[in-house]
């Protein structure tokens, strides 16, 4: 029986507006059945985004400070309040057709959390939920924020996972509108340097596991339904030495212009 797949694209460093336009295009294509379930991974330049439930009252700095720090502000169509995105943070945009995953938005958020908790476990860190708020927490501090949108059962927006961002930017807002909880990062918890490049492959792998999808490297066209019939050109990327985000003539996946996503085994 053909497999269901997760197509992962590493956008690298990309402005918020450009990434949002990419999301909108791909959501329409996912609704039309032209592409499979997709996960976009990106780092944004400094930006504050305000969800439908948010308010500019939770933006604590002046326009002059925003301009001096080079911070953009967008009011957007996801759930939740205000949050920060910036260098050192993995922002993930899962574009999933929930008709194939139970048609349950709360369950999808729970699965996002579970995927990130699994990633933290690989680093020896215990991630937790707070029943009052979506997201992932470590010792009472938020390490990952989650806010999604839904269009015809296809998800967009997603999560922000703090790897090694400059945490002082969170002091310029009331993160997610929560006044009594601090924010942390994986580097702060571990007490050592860690980069998004180390973590991105694990994020992609855990999302695939949680949603029972197969991660693939792209060597040709994929069927619109996200299946992998014989001869499709899509093959699992299971090389342990593959480098996500470091393609080139010597890439283990043999491509010069596309990312290769390694598979990290459980345990």
Foldseek 3Di string as FASTA:
>chain_A
DWFFAEEEAEPEEDAPVVVVVVQVVVLVLLVVLQAGWYKYKYAYAKEKEAEPPEDCVQQQDDPVVCVVSVYYYYYDHWDFGIAITHFQKIWMWTFHQCVLVPLDPVVVLVLLQVLVQQLVVVVVFGWDDDVVAGAIDGPQAGQKHFIWDADNRTITGTMIGHAPDDQVVCVSGCHRVDNPTHHDHNCRVVVHHDGVQVRVLSSVQSSCVSRVHAYWDAQAAAHSNNTDDPPRRIDGAADPPAGFPDAPCPGPVRDHPGGGRYHDDRD
